[in-house]
Amino acid sequence: MRDKLDSLVDFPLDLDMSEFLINPNAGPCRYDLIAVSNHYGGMGGGHDTAYAKNKEDGKWYNFDDSSVSPASEDQISKAGYVLFYQRQDTVKGTGYFALDREEEEEEGEDDEENE
């Protein structure tokens, strides 16, 4: 059986992929790290944990079996083997979606009616 690779991978919290776009006018291509899956041990067994960012409070948490505890960005493990990124312009409320703009327009109309 092959041994597990132990090379540390330096990964950013904010990933900019713009330089890899074929069309530079395609807009922003930035991603936020939202979770990291970790494995401690070898190929034959070990222990898995995860760090994930709560979308409601914006804070990081460590998930270890049935235990969940607060974590800081500094604690996010370099033992990560699966990284989860979310494109920044896919987060509701960014204004990039037509739906967001429609909601803003409706709120503006409601404000005008209430005056």
PDB file of N, CA and C in Angstrom:
ATOM      1  N   MET A   1       0.847  -1.173   0.000  1.00  0.00           N
ATOM      2  CA  MET A   1       0.000   0.000   0.000  1.00  0.00           C
ATOM      3  C   MET A   1       0.896   1.241   0.000  1.00  0.00           C
ATOM      4  N   ARG A   2       0.498   2.214  -0.734  1.00  0.00           N
ATOM      5  CA  ARG A   2       1.246   3.459  -0.825  1.00  0.00           C
ATOM      6  C   ARG A   2       1.079   4.271   0.454  1.00  0.00           C
ATOM      7  N   ASP A   3       2.116   5.014   0.840  1.00  0.00           N
ATOM      8  CA  ASP A   3       2.051   5.868   2.021  1.00  0.00           C
ATOM      9  C   ASP A   3       1.316   7.158   1.706  1.00  0.00           C
ATOM     10  N   LYS A   4       0.671   7.699   2.725  1.00  0.00           N
ATOM     11  CA  LYS A   4      -0.009   8.983   2.600  1.00  0.00           C
ATOM     12  C   LYS A   4       1.037  10.082   2.431  1.00  0.00           C
ATOM     13  N   LEU A   5       0.764  11.008   1.532  1.00  0.00           N
ATOM     14  CA  LEU A   5       1.654  12.153   1.348  1.00  0.00           C
ATOM     15  C   LEU A   5       1.516  13.080   2.545  1.00  0.00           C
ATOM     16  N   ASP A   6       2.623  13.546   3.070  1.00  0.00           N
ATOM     17  CA  ASP A   6       2.601  14.436   4.228  1.00  0.00           C
ATOM     18  C   ASP A   6       3.043  15.850   3.884  1.00  0.00           C
ATOM     19  N   SER A   7       3.054  16.210   2.609  1.00  0.00           N
ATOM     20  CA  SER A   7       3.472  17.550   2.202  1.00  0.00           C
ATOM     21  C   SER A   7       2.443  18.578   2.648  1.00  0.00           C
ATOM     22  N   LEU A   8       2.931  19.620   3.302  1.00  0.00           N
ATOM     23  CA  LEU A   8       2.021  20.694   3.697  1.00  0.00           C
ATOM     24  C   LEU A   8       1.669  21.523   2.476  1.00  0.00           C
ATOM     25  N   VAL A   9       0.413  21.865   2.361  1.00  0.00           N
ATOM     26  CA  VAL A   9      -0.064  22.685   1.260  1.00  0.00           C
ATOM     27  C   VAL A   9      -0.501  24.020   1.836  1.00  0.00           C
ATOM     28  N   ASP A  10       0.113  25.078   1.339  1.00  0.00           N
ATOM     29  CA  ASP A  10      -0.255  26.415   1.783  1.00  0.00           C
ATOM     30  C   ASP A  10      -1.438  26.873   0.942  1.00  0.00           C
ATOM     31  N   PHE A  11      -2.577  27.107   1.578  1.00  0.00           N
ATOM     32  CA  PHE A  11      -3.767  27.504   0.829  1.00  0.00           C
ATOM     33  C   PHE A  11      -4.300  28.826   1.374  1.00  0.00           C
ATOM     34  N   PRO A  12      -4.792  29.679   0.481  1.00  0.00           N
ATOM     35  CA  PRO A  12      -5.275  30.989   0.904  1.00  0.00           C
ATOM     36  C   PRO A  12      -6.716  30.941   1.409  1.00  0.00           C
ATOM     37  N   LEU A  13      -7.080  31.888   2.253  1.00  0.00           N
ATOM     38  CA  LEU A  13      -8.470  32.048   2.669  1.00  0.00           C
ATOM     39  C   LEU A  13      -9.269  32.736   1.568  1.00  0.00           C
ATOM     40  N   ASP A  14      -8.587  33.559   0.783  1.00  0.00           N
ATOM     41  CA  ASP A  14      -9.196  34.299  -0.321  1.00  0.00           C
ATOM     42  C   ASP A  14      -8.422  33.921  -1.579  1.00  0.00           C
ATOM     43  N   LEU A  15      -9.076  33.203  -2.476  1.00  0.00           N
ATOM     44  CA  LEU A  15      -8.422  32.676  -3.678  1.00  0.00           C
ATOM     45  C   LEU A  15      -8.837  33.492  -4.892  1.00  0.00           C
ATOM     46  N   ASP A  16      -7.859  34.063  -5.585  1.00  0.00           N
ATOM     47  CA  ASP A  16      -8.129  34.851  -6.786  1.00  0.00           C
ATOM     48  C   ASP A  16      -7.703  34.037  -8.003  1.00  0.00           C
ATOM     49  N   MET A  17      -8.660  33.646  -8.818  1.00  0.00           N
ATOM     50  CA  MET A  17      -8.383  32.829 -10.006  1.00  0.00           C
ATOM     51  C   MET A  17      -8.440  33.661 -11.289  1.00  0.00           C
ATOM     52  N   SER A  18      -8.488  34.982 -11.178  1.00  0.00           N
ATOM     53  CA  SER A  18      -8.642  35.868 -12.331  1.00  0.00           C
ATOM     54  C   SER A  18      -7.576  35.665 -13.398  1.00  0.00           C
ATOM     55  N   GLU A  19      -6.354  35.398 -12.979  1.00  0.00           N
ATOM     56  CA  GLU A  19      -5.271  35.252 -13.956  1.00  0.00           C
ATOM     57  C   GLU A  19      -5.430  34.011 -14.837  1.00  0.00           C
ATOM     58  N   PHE A  20      -6.330  33.111 -14.464  1.00  0.00           N
ATOM     59  CA  PHE A  20      -6.514  31.880 -15.224  1.00  0.00           C
ATOM     60  C   PHE A  20      -7.734  31.932 -16.148  1.00  0.00           C
ATOM     61  N   LEU A  21      -8.436  33.070 -16.162  1.00  0.00           N
ATOM     62  CA  LEU A  21      -9.606  33.215 -17.024  1.00  0.00           C
ATOM     63  C   LEU A  21      -9.194  33.411 -18.481  1.00  0.00           C
ATOM     64  N   ILE A  22      -9.910  32.771 -19.377  1.00  0.00           N
ATOM     65  CA  ILE A  22      -9.653  32.966 -20.805  1.00  0.00           C
ATOM     66  C   ILE A  22     -10.130  34.349 -21.220  1.00  0.00           C
ATOM     67  N   ASN A  23     -11.286  34.750 -20.708  1.00  0.00           N
ATOM     68  CA  ASN A  23     -11.850  36.060 -21.026  1.00  0.00           C
ATOM     69  C   ASN A  23     -11.627  36.990 -19.834  1.00  0.00           C
ATOM     70  N   PRO A  24     -10.688  37.929 -19.932  1.00  0.00           N
ATOM     71  CA  PRO A  24     -10.416  38.818 -18.804  1.00  0.00           C
ATOM     72  C   PRO A  24     -11.583  39.740 -18.466  1.00  0.00           C
ATOM     73  N   ASN A  25     -12.554  39.865 -19.371  1.00  0.00           N
ATOM     74  CA  ASN A  25     -13.721  40.711 -19.118  1.00  0.00           C
ATOM     75  C   ASN A  25     -14.868  39.945 -18.463  1.00  0.00           C
ATOM     76  N   ALA A  26     -14.612  38.706 -18.072  1.00  0.00           N
ATOM     77  CA  ALA A  26     -15.659  37.857 -17.499  1.00  0.00           C
ATOM     78  C   ALA A  26     -16.070  38.294 -16.096  1.00  0.00           C
ATOM     79  N   GLY A  27     -15.321  39.197 -15.516  1.00  0.00           N
ATOM     80  CA  GLY A  27     -15.667  39.677 -14.184  1.00  0.00           C
ATOM     81  C   GLY A  27     -14.792  39.053 -13.125  1.00  0.00           C
ATOM     82  N   PRO A  28     -15.111  39.342 -11.884  1.00  0.00           N
ATOM     83  CA  PRO A  28     -14.270  38.838 -10.795  1.00  0.00           C
ATOM     84  C   PRO A  28     -14.358  37.317 -10.687  1.00  0.00           C
ATOM     85  N   CYS A  29     -13.281  36.748 -10.263  1.00  0.00           N
ATOM     86  CA  CYS A  29     -13.245  35.297 -10.093  1.00  0.00           C
ATOM     87  C   CYS A  29     -12.526  35.010  -8.781  1.00  0.00           C
ATOM     88  N   ARG A  30     -13.162  35.428  -7.691  1.00  0.00           N
ATOM     89  CA  ARG A  30     -12.576  35.299  -6.365  1.00  0.00           C
ATOM     90  C   ARG A  30     -13.416  34.347  -5.529  1.00  0.00           C
ATOM     91  N   TYR A  31     -12.734  33.590  -4.700  1.00  0.00           N
ATOM     92  CA  TYR A  31     -13.382  32.572  -3.884  1.00  0.00           C
ATOM     93  C   TYR A  31     -12.970  32.729  -2.428  1.00  0.00           C
ATOM     94  N   ASP A  32     -13.901  32.437  -1.529  1.00  0.00           N
ATOM     95  CA  ASP A  32     -13.632  32.416  -0.096  1.00  0.00           C
ATOM     96  C   ASP A  32     -13.562  30.976   0.373  1.00  0.00           C
ATOM     97  N   LEU A  33     -12.561  30.676   1.194  1.00  0.00           N
ATOM     98  CA  LEU A  33     -12.483  29.357   1.810  1.00  0.00           C
ATOM     99  C   LEU A  33     -13.600  29.260   2.839  1.00  0.00           C
ATOM    100  N   ILE A  34     -14.429  28.213   2.747  1.00  0.00           N
ATOM    101  CA  ILE A  34     -15.541  28.075   3.689  1.00  0.00           C
ATOM    102  C   ILE A  34     -15.446  26.805   4.523  1.00  0.00           C
ATOM    103  N   ALA A  35     -14.572  25.856   4.127  1.00  0.00           N
ATOM    104  CA  ALA A  35     -14.416  24.634   4.919  1.00  0.00           C
ATOM    105  C   ALA A  35     -13.149  23.896   4.513  1.00  0.00           C
ATOM    106  N   VAL A  36     -12.618  23.143   5.469  1.00  0.00           N
ATOM    107  CA  VAL A  36     -11.435  22.316   5.241  1.00  0.00           C
ATOM    108  C   VAL A  36     -11.674  20.974   5.911  1.00  0.00           C
ATOM    109  N   SER A  37     -11.478  19.890   5.170  1.00  0.00           N
ATOM    110  CA  SER A  37     -11.569  18.551   5.725  1.00  0.00           C
ATOM    111  C   SER A  37     -10.144  18.072   5.997  1.00  0.00           C
ATOM    112  N   ASN A  38      -9.898  17.568   7.199  1.00  0.00           N
ATOM    113  CA  ASN A  38      -8.561  17.142   7.619  1.00  0.00           C
ATOM    114  C   ASN A  38      -8.527  15.642   7.859  1.00  0.00           C
ATOM    115  N   HIS A  39      -7.365  15.047   7.616  1.00  0.00           N
ATOM    116  CA  HIS A  39      -7.163  13.636   7.947  1.00  0.00           C
ATOM    117  C   HIS A  39      -5.853  13.497   8.695  1.00  0.00           C
ATOM    118  N   TYR A  40      -5.923  12.882   9.859  1.00  0.00           N
ATOM    119  CA  TYR A  40      -4.733  12.601  10.657  1.00  0.00           C
ATOM    120  C   TYR A  40      -4.560  11.093  10.695  1.00  0.00           C
ATOM    121  N   GLY A  41      -3.411  10.619  10.311  1.00  0.00           N
ATOM    122  CA  GLY A  41      -3.166   9.185  10.276  1.00  0.00           C
ATOM    123  C   GLY A  41      -2.650   8.769   8.917  1.00  0.00           C
ATOM    124  N   GLY A  42      -2.757   7.502   8.609  1.00  0.00           N
ATOM    125  CA  GLY A  42      -2.240   6.980   7.350  1.00  0.00           C
ATOM    126  C   GLY A  42      -3.351   6.553   6.417  1.00  0.00           C
ATOM    127  N   MET A  43      -2.939   5.866   5.340  1.00  0.00           N
ATOM    128  CA  MET A  43      -3.905   5.409   4.335  1.00  0.00           C
ATOM    129  C   MET A  43      -4.819   4.314   4.885  1.00  0.00           C
ATOM    130  N   GLY A  44      -4.329   3.546   5.845  1.00  0.00           N
ATOM    131  CA  GLY A  44      -5.108   2.442   6.383  1.00  0.00           C
ATOM    132  C   GLY A  44      -6.091   2.842   7.470  1.00  0.00           C
ATOM    133  N   GLY A  45      -5.995   4.047   7.951  1.00  0.00           N
ATOM    134  CA  GLY A  45      -6.898   4.493   9.011  1.00  0.00           C
ATOM    135  C   GLY A  45      -6.418   5.798   9.594  1.00  0.00           C
ATOM    136  N   GLY A  46      -7.205   6.326  10.472  1.00  0.00           N
ATOM    137  CA  GLY A  46      -6.849   7.599  11.077  1.00  0.00           C
ATOM    138  C   GLY A  46      -8.073   8.288  11.625  1.00  0.00           C
ATOM    139  N   HIS A  47      -7.999   9.580  11.687  1.00  0.00           N
ATOM    140  CA  HIS A  47      -9.066  10.374  12.283  1.00  0.00           C
ATOM    141  C   HIS A  47      -9.335  11.577  11.385  1.00  0.00           C
ATOM    142  N   ASP A  48     -10.595  11.848  11.130  1.00  0.00           N
ATOM    143  CA  ASP A  48     -10.982  12.991  10.306  1.00  0.00           C
ATOM    144  C   ASP A  48     -11.633  14.068  11.157  1.00  0.00           C
ATOM    145  N   THR A  49     -11.285  15.312  10.860  1.00  0.00           N
ATOM    146  CA  THR A  49     -11.909  16.474  11.493  1.00  0.00           C
ATOM    147  C   THR A  49     -12.205  17.478  10.396  1.00  0.00           C
ATOM    148  N   ALA A  50     -12.830  18.561  10.753  1.00  0.00           N
ATOM    149  CA  ALA A  50     -13.107  19.605   9.767  1.00  0.00           C
ATOM    150  C   ALA A  50     -13.156  20.967  10.431  1.00  0.00           C
ATOM    151  N   TYR A  51     -12.836  21.964   9.651  1.00  0.00           N
ATOM    152  CA  TYR A  51     -13.046  23.362  10.020  1.00  0.00           C
ATOM    153  C   TYR A  51     -14.053  23.905   9.024  1.00  0.00           C
ATOM    154  N   ALA A  52     -14.998  24.685   9.511  1.00  0.00           N
ATOM    155  CA  ALA A  52     -15.979  25.277   8.607  1.00  0.00           C
ATOM    156  C   ALA A  52     -16.366  26.651   9.116  1.00  0.00           C
ATOM    157  N   LYS A  53     -16.679  27.519   8.173  1.00  0.00           N
ATOM    158  CA  LYS A  53     -17.077  28.888   8.498  1.00  0.00           C
ATOM    159  C   LYS A  53     -18.597  28.978   8.487  1.00  0.00           C
ATOM    160  N   ASN A  54     -19.162  29.460   9.578  1.00  0.00           N
ATOM    161  CA  ASN A  54     -20.610  29.611   9.693  1.00  0.00           C
ATOM    162  C   ASN A  54     -21.040  30.825   8.875  1.00  0.00           C
ATOM    163  N   LYS A  55     -21.958  30.629   7.950  1.00  0.00           N
ATOM    164  CA  LYS A  55     -22.367  31.742   7.085  1.00  0.00           C
ATOM    165  C   LYS A  55     -23.187  32.784   7.826  1.00  0.00           C
ATOM    166  N   GLU A  56     -23.798  32.421   8.946  1.00  0.00           N
ATOM    167  CA  GLU A  56     -24.609  33.377   9.705  1.00  0.00           C
ATOM    168  C   GLU A  56     -23.757  34.337  10.529  1.00  0.00           C
ATOM    169  N   ASP A  57     -22.769  33.787  11.249  1.00  0.00           N
ATOM    170  CA  ASP A  57     -21.970  34.661  12.123  1.00  0.00           C
ATOM    171  C   ASP A  57     -20.567  34.937  11.574  1.00  0.00           C
ATOM    172  N   GLY A  58     -20.188  34.277  10.465  1.00  0.00           N
ATOM    173  CA  GLY A  58     -18.895  34.527   9.844  1.00  0.00           C
ATOM    174  C   GLY A  58     -17.710  33.982  10.631  1.00  0.00           C
ATOM    175  N   LYS A  59     -17.963  33.159  11.646  1.00  0.00           N
ATOM    176  CA  LYS A  59     -16.890  32.621  12.484  1.00  0.00           C
ATOM    177  C   LYS A  59     -16.550  31.192  12.075  1.00  0.00           C
ATOM    178  N   TRP A  60     -15.294  30.799  12.375  1.00  0.00           N
ATOM    179  CA  TRP A  60     -14.812  29.451  12.076  1.00  0.00           C
ATOM    180  C   TRP A  60     -15.070  28.540  13.268  1.00  0.00           C
ATOM    181  N   TYR A  61     -15.352  27.246  12.947  1.00  0.00           N
ATOM    182  CA  TYR A  61     -15.594  26.236  13.974  1.00  0.00           C
ATOM    183  C   TYR A  61     -14.819  24.970  13.626  1.00  0.00           C
ATOM    184  N   ASN A  62     -14.395  24.261  14.670  1.00  0.00           N
ATOM    185  CA  ASN A  62     -13.696  22.987  14.534  1.00  0.00           C
ATOM    186  C   ASN A  62     -14.690  21.867  14.840  1.00  0.00           C
ATOM    187  N   PHE A  63     -14.827  20.928  13.911  1.00  0.00           N
ATOM    188  CA  PHE A  63     -15.728  19.788  14.077  1.00  0.00           C
ATOM    189  C   PHE A  63     -14.875  18.544  14.280  1.00  0.00           C
ATOM    190  N   ASP A  64     -15.026  17.919  15.440  1.00  0.00           N
ATOM    191  CA  ASP A  64     -14.225  16.748  15.789  1.00  0.00           C
ATOM    192  C   ASP A  64     -15.150  15.727  16.444  1.00  0.00           C
ATOM    193  N   ASP A  65     -15.591  14.749  15.673  1.00  0.00           N
ATOM    194  CA  ASP A  65     -16.585  13.773  16.115  1.00  0.00           C
ATOM    195  C   ASP A  65     -17.839  14.508  16.584  1.00  0.00           C
ATOM    196  N   SER A  66     -18.252  14.315  17.828  1.00  0.00           N
ATOM    197  CA  SER A  66     -19.478  14.961  18.302  1.00  0.00           C
ATOM    198  C   SER A  66     -19.200  16.316  18.945  1.00  0.00           C
ATOM    199  N   SER A  67     -17.971  16.784  18.865  1.00  0.00           N
ATOM    200  CA  SER A  67     -17.578  18.038  19.489  1.00  0.00           C
ATOM    201  C   SER A  67     -17.447  19.150  18.453  1.00  0.00           C
ATOM    202  N   VAL A  68     -18.005  20.302  18.768  1.00  0.00           N
ATOM    203  CA  VAL A  68     -17.859  21.489  17.933  1.00  0.00           C
ATOM    204  C   VAL A  68     -17.344  22.607  18.826  1.00  0.00           C
ATOM    205  N   SER A  69     -16.264  23.257  18.403  1.00  0.00           N
ATOM    206  CA  SER A  69     -15.706  24.336  19.207  1.00  0.00           C
ATOM    207  C   SER A  69     -15.301  25.499  18.300  1.00  0.00           C
ATOM    208  N   PRO A  70     -15.349  26.715  18.841  1.00  0.00           N
ATOM    209  CA  PRO A  70     -14.923  27.875  18.046  1.00  0.00           C
ATOM    210  C   PRO A  70     -13.455  27.743  17.652  1.00  0.00           C
ATOM    211  N   ALA A  71     -13.104  28.309  16.511  1.00  0.00           N
ATOM    212  CA  ALA A  71     -11.723  28.286  16.025  1.00  0.00           C
ATOM    213  C   ALA A  71     -11.417  29.642  15.400  1.00  0.00           C
ATOM    214  N   SER A  72     -10.142  29.955  15.328  1.00  0.00           N
ATOM    215  CA  SER A  72      -9.728  31.186  14.650  1.00  0.00           C
ATOM    216  C   SER A  72      -9.134  30.812  13.296  1.00  0.00           C
ATOM    217  N   GLU A  73      -8.981  31.814  12.435  1.00  0.00           N
ATOM    218  CA  GLU A  73      -8.399  31.554  11.115  1.00  0.00           C
ATOM    219  C   GLU A  73      -6.991  30.977  11.250  1.00  0.00           C
ATOM    220  N   ASP A  74      -6.281  31.372  12.303  1.00  0.00           N
ATOM    221  CA  ASP A  74      -4.921  30.873  12.528  1.00  0.00           C
ATOM    222  C   ASP A  74      -4.900  29.380  12.833  1.00  0.00           C
ATOM    223  N   GLN A  75      -5.997  28.855  13.344  1.00  0.00           N
ATOM    224  CA  GLN A  75      -6.054  27.446  13.727  1.00  0.00           C
ATOM    225  C   GLN A  75      -6.411  26.522  12.573  1.00  0.00           C
ATOM    226  N   ILE A  76      -6.865  27.079  11.459  1.00  0.00           N
ATOM    227  CA  ILE A  76      -7.274  26.231  10.340  1.00  0.00           C
ATOM    228  C   ILE A  76      -6.089  25.380   9.931  1.00  0.00           C
ATOM    229  N   SER A  77      -6.276  24.101   9.965  1.00  0.00           N
ATOM    230  CA  SER A  77      -5.197  23.127   9.852  1.00  0.00           C
ATOM    231  C   SER A  77      -4.589  23.063   8.463  1.00  0.00           C
ATOM    232  N   LYS A  78      -3.287  22.875   8.451  1.00  0.00           N
ATOM    233  CA  LYS A  78      -2.589  22.617   7.189  1.00  0.00           C
ATOM    234  C   LYS A  78      -2.623  21.123   6.865  1.00  0.00           C
ATOM    235  N   ALA A  79      -3.361  20.345   7.675  1.00  0.00           N
ATOM    236  CA  ALA A  79      -3.542  18.917   7.398  1.00  0.00           C
ATOM    237  C   ALA A  79      -4.717  18.712   6.457  1.00  0.00           C
ATOM    238  N   GLY A  80      -5.226  19.792   5.908  1.00  0.00           N
ATOM    239  CA  GLY A  80      -6.385  19.712   5.028  1.00  0.00           C
ATOM    240  C   GLY A  80      -6.102  18.911   3.775  1.00  0.00           C
ATOM    241  N   TYR A  81      -7.047  18.072   3.407  1.00  0.00           N
ATOM    242  CA  TYR A  81      -6.900  17.330   2.152  1.00  0.00           C
ATOM    243  C   TYR A  81      -8.048  17.600   1.202  1.00  0.00           C
ATOM    244  N   VAL A  82      -9.109  18.216   1.678  1.00  0.00           N
ATOM    245  CA  VAL A  82     -10.170  18.684   0.796  1.00  0.00           C
ATOM    246  C   VAL A  82     -10.487  20.114   1.218  1.00  0.00           C
ATOM    247  N   LEU A  83     -10.407  21.034   0.267  1.00  0.00           N
ATOM    248  CA  LEU A  83     -10.691  22.446   0.526  1.00  0.00           C
ATOM    249  C   LEU A  83     -11.993  22.802  -0.165  1.00  0.00           C
ATOM    250  N   PHE A  84     -12.840  23.537   0.525  1.00  0.00           N
ATOM    251  CA  PHE A  84     -14.128  23.955  -0.025  1.00  0.00           C
ATOM    252  C   PHE A  84     -14.126  25.470  -0.171  1.00  0.00           C
ATOM    253  N   TYR A  85     -14.245  25.916  -1.408  1.00  0.00           N
ATOM    254  CA  TYR A  85     -14.287  27.349  -1.693  1.00  0.00           C
ATOM    255  C   TYR A  85     -15.651  27.703  -2.269  1.00  0.00           C
ATOM    256  N   GLN A  86     -16.081  28.928  -2.000  1.00  0.00           N
ATOM    257  CA  GLN A  86     -17.341  29.440  -2.561  1.00  0.00           C
ATOM    258  C   GLN A  86     -17.034  30.719  -3.311  1.00  0.00           C
ATOM    259  N   ARG A  87     -17.498  30.781  -4.544  1.00  0.00           N
ATOM    260  CA  ARG A  87     -17.271  31.982  -5.344  1.00  0.00           C
ATOM    261  C   ARG A  87     -17.957  33.161  -4.670  1.00  0.00           C
ATOM    262  N   GLN A  88     -17.238  34.264  -4.548  1.00  0.00           N
ATOM    263  CA  GLN A  88     -17.747  35.409  -3.803  1.00  0.00           C
ATOM    264  C   GLN A  88     -19.015  35.991  -4.407  1.00  0.00           C
ATOM    265  N   ASP A  89     -19.149  35.981  -5.707  1.00  0.00           N
ATOM    266  CA  ASP A  89     -20.344  36.577  -6.304  1.00  0.00           C
ATOM    267  C   ASP A  89     -21.532  35.623  -6.348  1.00  0.00           C
ATOM    268  N   THR A  90     -21.442  34.489  -5.668  1.00  0.00           N
ATOM    269  CA  THR A  90     -22.592  33.598  -5.570  1.00  0.00           C
ATOM    270  C   THR A  90     -23.248  33.679  -4.201  1.00  0.00           C
ATOM    271  N   VAL A  91     -22.763  34.598  -3.382  1.00  0.00           N
ATOM    272  CA  VAL A  91     -23.334  34.767  -2.057  1.00  0.00           C
ATOM    273  C   VAL A  91     -24.465  35.773  -2.157  1.00  0.00           C
ATOM    274  N   LYS A  92     -25.647  35.386  -1.716  1.00  0.00           N
ATOM    275  CA  LYS A  92     -26.813  36.273  -1.789  1.00  0.00           C
ATOM    276  C   LYS A  92     -26.520  37.569  -1.064  1.00  0.00           C
ATOM    277  N   GLY A  93     -26.923  38.654  -1.664  1.00  0.00           N
ATOM    278  CA  GLY A  93     -26.710  39.946  -1.051  1.00  0.00           C
ATOM    279  C   GLY A  93     -25.502  40.681  -1.601  1.00  0.00           C
ATOM    280  N   THR A  94     -24.812  40.075  -2.570  1.00  0.00           N
ATOM    281  CA  THR A  94     -23.627  40.724  -3.124  1.00  0.00           C
ATOM    282  C   THR A  94     -23.996  41.742  -4.193  1.00  0.00           C
ATOM    283  N   GLY A  95     -25.214  41.664  -4.711  1.00  0.00           N
ATOM    284  CA  GLY A  95     -25.619  42.578  -5.764  1.00  0.00           C
ATOM    285  C   GLY A  95     -25.301  42.067  -7.158  1.00  0.00           C
ATOM    286  N   TYR A  96     -24.681  40.907  -7.265  1.00  0.00           N
ATOM    287  CA  TYR A  96     -24.324  40.372  -8.569  1.00  0.00           C
ATOM    288  C   TYR A  96     -25.500  39.701  -9.257  1.00  0.00           C
ATOM    289  N   PHE A  97     -26.464  39.231  -8.483  1.00  0.00           N
ATOM    290  CA  PHE A  97     -27.586  38.531  -9.065  1.00  0.00           C
ATOM    291  C   PHE A  97     -28.726  39.479  -9.370  1.00  0.00           C
ATOM    292  N   ALA A  98     -29.429  39.187 -10.449  1.00  0.00           N
ATOM    293  CA  ALA A  98     -30.588  40.005 -10.798  1.00  0.00           C
ATOM    294  C   ALA A  98     -31.587  40.005  -9.651  1.00  0.00           C
ATOM    295  N   LEU A  99     -31.746  38.875  -8.963  1.00  0.00           N
ATOM    296  CA  LEU A  99     -32.673  38.783  -7.840  1.00  0.00           C
ATOM    297  C   LEU A  99     -32.312  39.784  -6.749  1.00  0.00           C
ATOM    298  N   ASP A 100     -31.028  39.925  -6.447  1.00  0.00           N
ATOM    299  CA  ASP A 100     -30.586  40.892  -5.447  1.00  0.00           C
ATOM    300  C   ASP A 100     -30.950  42.307  -5.872  1.00  0.00           C
ATOM    301  N   ARG A 101     -30.720  42.620  -7.133  1.00  0.00           N
ATOM    302  CA  ARG A 101     -31.033  43.967  -7.619  1.00  0.00           C
ATOM    303  C   ARG A 101     -32.537  44.214  -7.589  1.00  0.00           C
ATOM    304  N   GLU A 102     -33.336  43.184  -7.923  1.00  0.00           N
ATOM    305  CA  GLU A 102     -34.789  43.325  -7.870  1.00  0.00           C
ATOM    306  C   GLU A 102     -35.255  43.598  -6.444  1.00  0.00           C
ATOM    307  N   GLU A 103     -34.673  42.892  -5.471  1.00  0.00           N
ATOM    308  CA  GLU A 103     -35.040  43.098  -4.069  1.00  0.00           C
ATOM    309  C   GLU A 103     -34.691  44.509  -3.630  1.00  0.00           C
ATOM    310  N   GLU A 104     -33.521  45.014  -4.057  1.00  0.00           N
ATOM    311  CA  GLU A 104     -33.117  46.369  -3.701  1.00  0.00           C
ATOM    312  C   GLU A 104     -34.091  47.386  -4.302  1.00  0.00           C
ATOM    313  N   GLU A 105     -34.502  47.152  -5.555  1.00  0.00           N
ATOM    314  CA  GLU A 105     -35.439  48.062  -6.209  1.00  0.00           C
ATOM    315  C   GLU A 105     -36.790  48.045  -5.497  1.00  0.00           C
ATOM    316  N   GLU A 106     -37.254  46.845  -5.105  1.00  0.00           N
ATOM    317  CA  GLU A 106     -38.527  46.739  -4.397  1.00  0.00           C
ATOM    318  C   GLU A 106     -38.463  47.453  -3.054  1.00  0.00           C
ATOM    319  N   GLU A 107     -37.336  47.305  -2.346  1.00  0.00           N
ATOM    320  CA  GLU A 107     -37.181  47.992  -1.064  1.00  0.00           C
ATOM    321  C   GLU A 107     -37.203  49.497  -1.259  1.00  0.00           C
ATOM    322  N   GLY A 108     -36.572  49.975  -2.330  1.00  0.00           N
ATOM    323  CA  GLY A 108     -36.568  51.397  -2.639  1.00  0.00           C
ATOM    324  C   GLY A 108     -37.965  51.907  -2.939  1.00  0.00           C
ATOM    325  N   GLU A 109     -38.751  51.103  -3.675  1.00  0.00           N
ATOM    326  CA  GLU A 109     -40.138  51.482  -3.984  1.00  0.00           C
ATOM    327  C   GLU A 109     -40.978  51.511  -2.716  1.00  0.00           C
ATOM    328  N   ASP A 110     -40.773  50.524  -1.821  1.00  0.00           N
ATOM    329  CA  ASP A 110     -41.506  50.488  -0.560  1.00  0.00           C
ATOM    330  C   ASP A 110     -41.189  51.709   0.285  1.00  0.00           C
ATOM    331  N   ASP A 111     -39.932  52.123   0.296  1.00  0.00           N
ATOM    332  CA  ASP A 111     -39.516  53.301   1.068  1.00  0.00           C
ATOM    333  C   ASP A 111     -40.206  54.560   0.524  1.00  0.00           C
ATOM    334  N   GLU A 112     -40.290  54.670  -0.822  1.00  0.00           N
ATOM    335  CA  GLU A 112     -40.928  55.834  -1.441  1.00  0.00           C
ATOM    336  C   GLU A 112     -42.415  55.865  -1.109  1.00  0.00           C
ATOM    337  N   GLU A 113     -43.079  54.697  -1.082  1.00  0.00           N
ATOM    338  CA  GLU A 113     -44.512  54.629  -0.784  1.00  0.00           C
ATOM    339  C   GLU A 113     -44.787  55.019   0.668  1.00  0.00           C
ATOM    340  N   ASN A 114     -43.842  54.707   1.566  1.00  0.00           N
ATOM    341  CA  ASN A 114     -44.028  54.988   2.983  1.00  0.00           C
ATOM    342  C   ASN A 114     -43.741  56.432   3.349  1.00  0.00           C
ATOM    343  N   GLU A 115     -43.226  57.232   2.417  1.00  0.00           N
ATOM    344  CA  GLU A 115     -42.906  58.637   2.712  1.00  0.00           C
ATOM    345  C   GLU A 115     -44.093  59.524   2.579  1.00  0.00           C
TER     346      GLU A 115
END
